[in-house]
Amino acid sequence: MAAEFVLNVLYAEAAKEDLMIDVTSARIQTVIRHHKIHHRQERYGAHTTEIIARTCEREIHINHGGTLHAGENLKELLALRPPICRGGYK
């Protein structure tokens, strides 16, 4: 699972930086297929979220597609921030 390792490293690095977020509603085929299989579920919306972590040297773009909304995706990323960054701005 090299891809999962790389994603975890990107998350950890992005969590340390200044963040921007872009949210788009979209028809996501995997979510549509999931809805057809699981008729009774809490969420039916499909969302795409792009989180951009920016420094002077680089940008890290993380794209999410699924039923979680932007706030939930961002909360997951912010939980990875070092404790000194959680209390406010860097």
C-alpha atoms as a PDB file:
ATOM      1  CA  MET A   1       0.000   0.000   0.000  1.00  0.00           C
ATOM      2  CA  ALA A   2       2.562   2.554  -1.132  1.00  0.00           C
ATOM      3  CA  ALA A   3      -0.186   4.961  -2.209  1.00  0.00           C
ATOM      4  CA  GLU A   4      -1.693   4.947   1.280  1.00  0.00           C
ATOM      5  CA  PHE A   5       1.734   5.679   2.792  1.00  0.00           C
ATOM      6  CA  VAL A   6       2.250   8.615   0.418  1.00  0.00           C
ATOM      7  CA  LEU A   7      -1.223   9.959   1.210  1.00  0.00           C
ATOM      8  CA  ASN A   8      -0.523   9.769   4.956  1.00  0.00           C
ATOM      9  CA  VAL A   9       2.751  11.671   4.501  1.00  0.00           C
ATOM     10  CA  LEU A  10       0.999  14.337   2.409  1.00  0.00           C
ATOM     11  CA  TYR A  11      -1.711  14.680   5.067  1.00  0.00           C
ATOM     12  CA  ALA A  12       0.867  15.097   7.822  1.00  0.00           C
ATOM     13  CA  GLU A  13       2.761  17.744   5.831  1.00  0.00           C
ATOM     14  CA  ALA A  14      -0.393  19.578   4.752  1.00  0.00           C
ATOM     15  CA  ALA A  15      -1.685  19.704   8.325  1.00  0.00           C
ATOM     16  CA  LYS A  16       1.269  21.923   9.298  1.00  0.00           C
ATOM     17  CA  GLU A  17       0.658  24.586   6.646  1.00  0.00           C
ATOM     18  CA  ASP A  18      -1.761  27.397   5.827  1.00  0.00           C
ATOM     19  CA  LEU A  19      -4.904  25.857   4.352  1.00  0.00           C
ATOM     20  CA  MET A  20      -7.448  26.827   1.706  1.00  0.00           C
ATOM     21  CA  ILE A  21     -10.507  24.817   0.775  1.00  0.00           C
ATOM     22  CA  ASP A  22     -12.646  24.512  -2.349  1.00  0.00           C
ATOM     23  CA  VAL A  23     -15.991  22.710  -2.332  1.00  0.00           C
ATOM     24  CA  THR A  24     -17.944  21.506  -5.336  1.00  0.00           C
ATOM     25  CA  SER A  25     -21.081  19.415  -5.668  1.00  0.00           C
ATOM     26  CA  ALA A  26     -20.695  16.716  -8.276  1.00  0.00           C
ATOM     27  CA  ARG A  27     -22.070  13.412  -9.493  1.00  0.00           C
ATOM     28  CA  ILE A  28     -19.528  10.916  -8.265  1.00  0.00           C
ATOM     29  CA  GLN A  29     -19.977   7.509  -9.851  1.00  0.00           C
ATOM     30  CA  THR A  30     -18.691   5.519  -6.871  1.00  0.00           C
ATOM     31  CA  VAL A  31     -21.125   7.305  -4.548  1.00  0.00           C
ATOM     32  CA  ILE A  32     -24.003   6.700  -6.966  1.00  0.00           C
ATOM     33  CA  ARG A  33     -23.161   2.974  -7.124  1.00  0.00           C
ATOM     34  CA  HIS A  34     -22.967   2.839  -3.317  1.00  0.00           C
ATOM     35  CA  HIS A  35     -26.427   4.433  -3.043  1.00  0.00           C
ATOM     36  CA  LYS A  36     -27.895   1.797  -5.352  1.00  0.00           C
ATOM     37  CA  ILE A  37     -26.532  -1.012  -3.163  1.00  0.00           C
ATOM     38  CA  HIS A  38     -27.274   0.593   0.239  1.00  0.00           C
ATOM     39  CA  HIS A  39     -30.774   2.012  -0.076  1.00  0.00           C
ATOM     40  CA  ARG A  40     -31.176   3.020   3.565  1.00  0.00           C
ATOM     41  CA  GLN A  41     -28.414   5.290   4.689  1.00  0.00           C
ATOM     42  CA  GLU A  42     -28.061   8.641   6.398  1.00  0.00           C
ATOM     43  CA  ARG A  43     -26.394  10.555   3.573  1.00  0.00           C
ATOM     44  CA  TYR A  44     -27.168  10.765  -0.089  1.00  0.00           C
ATOM     45  CA  GLY A  45     -25.209  13.845  -1.133  1.00  0.00           C
ATOM     46  CA  ALA A  46     -21.989  13.605  -3.079  1.00  0.00           C
ATOM     47  CA  HIS A  47     -19.330  16.219  -2.437  1.00  0.00           C
ATOM     48  CA  THR A  48     -15.871  16.953  -3.720  1.00  0.00           C
ATOM     49  CA  THR A  49     -13.443  18.878  -1.573  1.00  0.00           C
ATOM     50  CA  GLU A  50     -10.012  20.142  -2.517  1.00  0.00           C
ATOM     51  CA  ILE A  51      -7.764  21.158   0.342  1.00  0.00           C
ATOM     52  CA  ILE A  52      -4.702  23.193  -0.583  1.00  0.00           C
ATOM     53  CA  ALA A  53      -1.823  23.551   1.852  1.00  0.00           C
ATOM     54  CA  ARG A  54       0.458  26.402   0.798  1.00  0.00           C
ATOM     55  CA  THR A  55       3.964  27.381   1.836  1.00  0.00           C
ATOM     56  CA  CYS A  56       6.537  29.603   0.164  1.00  0.00           C
ATOM     57  CA  GLU A  57       8.160  26.551  -1.394  1.00  0.00           C
ATOM     58  CA  ARG A  58       5.256  24.311  -2.455  1.00  0.00           C
ATOM     59  CA  GLU A  59       1.549  23.553  -2.605  1.00  0.00           C
ATOM     60  CA  ILE A  60      -0.017  20.266  -1.568  1.00  0.00           C
ATOM     61  CA  HIS A  61      -3.415  19.547  -3.159  1.00  0.00           C
ATOM     62  CA  ILE A  62      -5.602  16.900  -1.523  1.00  0.00           C
ATOM     63  CA  ASN A  63      -8.846  15.952  -3.259  1.00  0.00           C
ATOM     64  CA  HIS A  64     -11.715  14.138  -1.556  1.00  0.00           C
ATOM     65  CA  GLY A  65     -14.780  12.699  -3.212  1.00  0.00           C
ATOM     66  CA  GLY A  66     -17.583  11.070  -1.277  1.00  0.00           C
ATOM     67  CA  THR A  67     -20.376  11.698   1.187  1.00  0.00           C
ATOM     68  CA  LEU A  68     -18.339  13.703   3.717  1.00  0.00           C
ATOM     69  CA  HIS A  69     -18.675  17.466   3.442  1.00  0.00           C
ATOM     70  CA  ALA A  70     -15.776  19.911   3.498  1.00  0.00           C
ATOM     71  CA  GLY A  71     -15.901  20.533   7.240  1.00  0.00           C
ATOM     72  CA  GLU A  72     -15.546  16.834   7.988  1.00  0.00           C
ATOM     73  CA  ASN A  73     -12.649  16.438   5.563  1.00  0.00           C
ATOM     74  CA  LEU A  74     -10.930  19.485   7.040  1.00  0.00           C
ATOM     75  CA  LYS A  75     -11.524  18.287  10.616  1.00  0.00           C
ATOM     76  CA  GLU A  76      -9.731  15.025   9.763  1.00  0.00           C
ATOM     77  CA  LEU A  77      -6.743  16.964   8.453  1.00  0.00           C
ATOM     78  CA  LEU A  78      -6.623  19.455  11.335  1.00  0.00           C
ATOM     79  CA  ALA A  79      -6.548  16.592  13.843  1.00  0.00           C
ATOM     80  CA  LEU A  80      -3.083  15.796  12.464  1.00  0.00           C
ATOM     81  CA  ARG A  81      -1.699  19.241  13.284  1.00  0.00           C
ATOM     82  CA  PRO A  82       0.986  19.430  15.910  1.00  0.00           C
ATOM     83  CA  PRO A  83      -0.451  20.661  19.249  1.00  0.00           C
ATOM     84  CA  ILE A  84       1.241  24.071  18.933  1.00  0.00           C
ATOM     85  CA  CYS A  85      -0.688  24.771  15.697  1.00  0.00           C
ATOM     86  CA  ARG A  86      -4.117  23.788  16.991  1.00  0.00           C
ATOM     87  CA  GLY A  87      -4.601  26.758  19.280  1.00  0.00           C
ATOM     88  CA  GLY A  88      -4.503  29.453  16.637  1.00  0.00           C
ATOM     89  CA  TYR A  89      -2.568  30.863  13.743  1.00  0.00           C
ATOM     90  CA  LYS A  90       1.075  30.087  13.117  1.00  0.00           C
END
